[in-house]
Amino acid sequence: AILIRFQENKLMTVQETIDQIIDQIMEVELPEESYLEVN
């Protein structure tokens, strides 16, 4: 859903899109156990 939303804005550069996706990921606070399980 996040990727689709960013792709809808065609004026946004690839770097800006990546930066915003990273910002969104960083805003999500996961417990360490969940983080380790994902990796």
PDB file of N, CA and C in Angstrom:
ATOM      1  N   ALA A   1       0.840  -1.200   0.000  1.00  0.00           N
ATOM      2  CA  ALA A   1       0.000   0.000   0.000  1.00  0.00           C
ATOM      3  C   ALA A   1       0.877   1.254   0.000  1.00  0.00           C
ATOM      4  N   ILE A   2       1.977   1.209   0.769  1.00  0.00           N
ATOM      5  CA  ILE A   2       2.863   2.378   0.821  1.00  0.00           C
ATOM      6  C   ILE A   2       3.480   2.617  -0.552  1.00  0.00           C
ATOM      7  N   LEU A   3       3.964   1.549  -1.189  1.00  0.00           N
ATOM      8  CA  LEU A   3       4.610   1.702  -2.490  1.00  0.00           C
ATOM      9  C   LEU A   3       3.636   2.243  -3.521  1.00  0.00           C
ATOM     10  N   ILE A   4       2.417   1.737  -3.505  1.00  0.00           N
ATOM     11  CA  ILE A   4       1.414   2.196  -4.471  1.00  0.00           C
ATOM     12  C   ILE A   4       1.142   3.678  -4.270  1.00  0.00           C
ATOM     13  N   ARG A   5       1.025   4.099  -3.032  1.00  0.00           N
ATOM     14  CA  ARG A   5       0.721   5.496  -2.749  1.00  0.00           C
ATOM     15  C   ARG A   5       1.850   6.400  -3.272  1.00  0.00           C
ATOM     16  N   PHE A   6       3.098   6.001  -3.064  1.00  0.00           N
ATOM     17  CA  PHE A   6       4.217   6.809  -3.520  1.00  0.00           C
ATOM     18  C   PHE A   6       4.287   6.834  -5.042  1.00  0.00           C
ATOM     19  N   GLN A   7       4.015   5.704  -5.685  1.00  0.00           N
ATOM     20  CA  GLN A   7       4.120   5.631  -7.140  1.00  0.00           C
ATOM     21  C   GLN A   7       3.072   6.494  -7.830  1.00  0.00           C
ATOM     22  N   GLU A   8       1.976   6.778  -7.125  1.00  0.00           N
ATOM     23  CA  GLU A   8       0.932   7.607  -7.728  1.00  0.00           C
ATOM     24  C   GLU A   8       1.424   9.035  -7.962  1.00  0.00           C
ATOM     25  N   ASN A   9       2.420   9.471  -7.207  1.00  0.00           N
ATOM     26  CA  ASN A   9       2.950  10.827  -7.371  1.00  0.00           C
ATOM     27  C   ASN A   9       4.110  10.764  -8.362  1.00  0.00           C
ATOM     28  N   LYS A  10       3.837  11.036  -9.631  1.00  0.00           N
ATOM     29  CA  LYS A  10       4.854  10.879 -10.670  1.00  0.00           C
ATOM     30  C   LYS A  10       5.872  12.005 -10.663  1.00  0.00           C
ATOM     31  N   LEU A  11       5.592  13.092  -9.916  1.00  0.00           N
ATOM     32  CA  LEU A  11       6.545  14.193  -9.828  1.00  0.00           C
ATOM     33  C   LEU A  11       7.675  13.877  -8.853  1.00  0.00           C
ATOM     34  N   MET A  12       7.475  12.835  -8.049  1.00  0.00           N
ATOM     35  CA  MET A  12       8.463  12.480  -7.044  1.00  0.00           C
ATOM     36  C   MET A  12       9.594  11.666  -7.683  1.00  0.00           C
ATOM     37  N   THR A  13      10.823  12.025  -7.374  1.00  0.00           N
ATOM     38  CA  THR A  13      11.952  11.292  -7.921  1.00  0.00           C
ATOM     39  C   THR A  13      12.123   9.957  -7.188  1.00  0.00           C
ATOM     40  N   VAL A  14      12.914   9.084  -7.775  1.00  0.00           N
ATOM     41  CA  VAL A  14      13.143   7.774  -7.153  1.00  0.00           C
ATOM     42  C   VAL A  14      13.783   7.947  -5.786  1.00  0.00           C
ATOM     43  N   GLN A  15      14.764   8.842  -5.690  1.00  0.00           N
ATOM     44  CA  GLN A  15      15.459   9.048  -4.410  1.00  0.00           C
ATOM     45  C   GLN A  15      14.495   9.549  -3.344  1.00  0.00           C
ATOM     46  N   GLU A  16      13.620  10.484  -3.728  1.00  0.00           N
ATOM     47  CA  GLU A  16      12.643  11.002  -2.768  1.00  0.00           C
ATOM     48  C   GLU A  16      11.707   9.887  -2.320  1.00  0.00           C
ATOM     49  N   THR A  17      11.315   9.030  -3.267  1.00  0.00           N
ATOM     50  CA  THR A  17      10.429   7.917  -2.923  1.00  0.00           C
ATOM     51  C   THR A  17      11.113   6.990  -1.932  1.00  0.00           C
ATOM     52  N   ILE A  18      12.374   6.654  -2.193  1.00  0.00           N
ATOM     53  CA  ILE A  18      13.121   5.765  -1.298  1.00  0.00           C
ATOM     54  C   ILE A  18      13.253   6.397   0.077  1.00  0.00           C
ATOM     55  N   ASP A  19      13.579   7.691   0.097  1.00  0.00           N
ATOM     56  CA  ASP A  19      13.745   8.377   1.387  1.00  0.00           C
ATOM     57  C   ASP A  19      12.453   8.334   2.202  1.00  0.00           C
ATOM     58  N   GLN A  20      11.323   8.550   1.537  1.00  0.00           N
ATOM     59  CA  GLN A  20      10.055   8.558   2.268  1.00  0.00           C
ATOM     60  C   GLN A  20       9.700   7.161   2.752  1.00  0.00           C
ATOM     61  N   ILE A  21       9.993   6.148   1.931  1.00  0.00           N
ATOM     62  CA  ILE A  21       9.706   4.772   2.363  1.00  0.00           C
ATOM     63  C   ILE A  21      10.558   4.442   3.590  1.00  0.00           C
ATOM     64  N   ILE A  22      11.833   4.820   3.554  1.00  0.00           N
ATOM     65  CA  ILE A  22      12.713   4.559   4.698  1.00  0.00           C
ATOM     66  C   ILE A  22      12.197   5.284   5.933  1.00  0.00           C
ATOM     67  N   ASP A  23      11.772   6.529   5.747  1.00  0.00           N
ATOM     68  CA  ASP A  23      11.233   7.290   6.885  1.00  0.00           C
ATOM     69  C   ASP A  23      10.040   6.569   7.494  1.00  0.00           C
ATOM     70  N   GLN A  24       9.162   6.030   6.631  1.00  0.00           N
ATOM     71  CA  GLN A  24       7.979   5.329   7.138  1.00  0.00           C
ATOM     72  C   GLN A  24       8.394   4.076   7.895  1.00  0.00           C
ATOM     73  N   ILE A  25       9.379   3.359   7.359  1.00  0.00           N
ATOM     74  CA  ILE A  25       9.834   2.136   8.026  1.00  0.00           C
ATOM     75  C   ILE A  25      10.439   2.472   9.381  1.00  0.00           C
ATOM     76  N   MET A  26      11.233   3.541   9.429  1.00  0.00           N
ATOM     77  CA  MET A  26      11.887   3.924  10.684  1.00  0.00           C
ATOM     78  C   MET A  26      10.867   4.359  11.732  1.00  0.00           C
ATOM     79  N   GLU A  27       9.735   4.889  11.279  1.00  0.00           N
ATOM     80  CA  GLU A  27       8.718   5.340  12.236  1.00  0.00           C
ATOM     81  C   GLU A  27       8.023   4.166  12.920  1.00  0.00           C
ATOM     82  N   VAL A  28       8.099   2.989  12.314  1.00  0.00           N
ATOM     83  CA  VAL A  28       7.442   1.817  12.898  1.00  0.00           C
ATOM     84  C   VAL A  28       8.349   1.255  13.988  1.00  0.00           C
ATOM     85  N   GLU A  29       7.849   1.234  15.198  1.00  0.00           N
ATOM     86  CA  GLU A  29       8.647   0.721  16.306  1.00  0.00           C
ATOM     87  C   GLU A  29       8.240  -0.720  16.609  1.00  0.00           C
ATOM     88  N   LEU A  30       9.156  -1.627  16.330  1.00  0.00           N
ATOM     89  CA  LEU A  30       8.879  -3.037  16.572  1.00  0.00           C
ATOM     90  C   LEU A  30       9.701  -3.523  17.757  1.00  0.00           C
ATOM     91  N   PRO A  31       9.148  -4.435  18.534  1.00  0.00           N
ATOM     92  CA  PRO A  31       9.942  -5.057  19.603  1.00  0.00           C
ATOM     93  C   PRO A  31      11.130  -5.794  18.976  1.00  0.00           C
ATOM     94  N   GLU A  32      12.216  -5.929  19.694  1.00  0.00           N
ATOM     95  CA  GLU A  32      13.408  -6.562  19.142  1.00  0.00           C
ATOM     96  C   GLU A  32      13.122  -7.988  18.677  1.00  0.00           C
ATOM     97  N   GLU A  33      12.262  -8.686  19.416  1.00  0.00           N
ATOM     98  CA  GLU A  33      11.958 -10.069  19.041  1.00  0.00           C
ATOM     99  C   GLU A  33      11.316 -10.124  17.652  1.00  0.00           C
ATOM    100  N   SER A  34      10.368  -9.224  17.402  1.00  0.00           N
ATOM    101  CA  SER A  34       9.700  -9.211  16.111  1.00  0.00           C
ATOM    102  C   SER A  34      10.699  -8.846  15.013  1.00  0.00           C
ATOM    103  N   TYR A  35      11.592  -7.909  15.309  1.00  0.00           N
ATOM    104  CA  TYR A  35      12.580  -7.475  14.324  1.00  0.00           C
ATOM    105  C   TYR A  35      13.495  -8.624  13.947  1.00  0.00           C
ATOM    106  N   LEU A  36      13.923  -9.397  14.957  1.00  0.00           N
ATOM    107  CA  LEU A  36      14.823 -10.512  14.692  1.00  0.00           C
ATOM    108  C   LEU A  36      14.112 -11.608  13.912  1.00  0.00           C
ATOM    109  N   GLU A  37      12.828 -11.825  14.183  1.00  0.00           N
ATOM    110  CA  GLU A  37      12.086 -12.868  13.481  1.00  0.00           C
ATOM    111  C   GLU A  37      11.936 -12.531  12.005  1.00  0.00           C
ATOM    112  N   VAL A  38      11.751 -11.256  11.687  1.00  0.00           N
ATOM    113  CA  VAL A  38      11.604 -10.856  10.283  1.00  0.00           C
ATOM    114  C   VAL A  38      12.892 -11.148   9.526  1.00  0.00           C
ATOM    115  N   ASN A  39      14.026 -10.896  10.159  1.00  0.00           N
ATOM    116  CA  ASN A  39      15.302 -11.146   9.486  1.00  0.00           C
ATOM    117  C   ASN A  39      15.655 -12.623   9.615  1.00  0.00           C
TER     118      ASN A  39
END
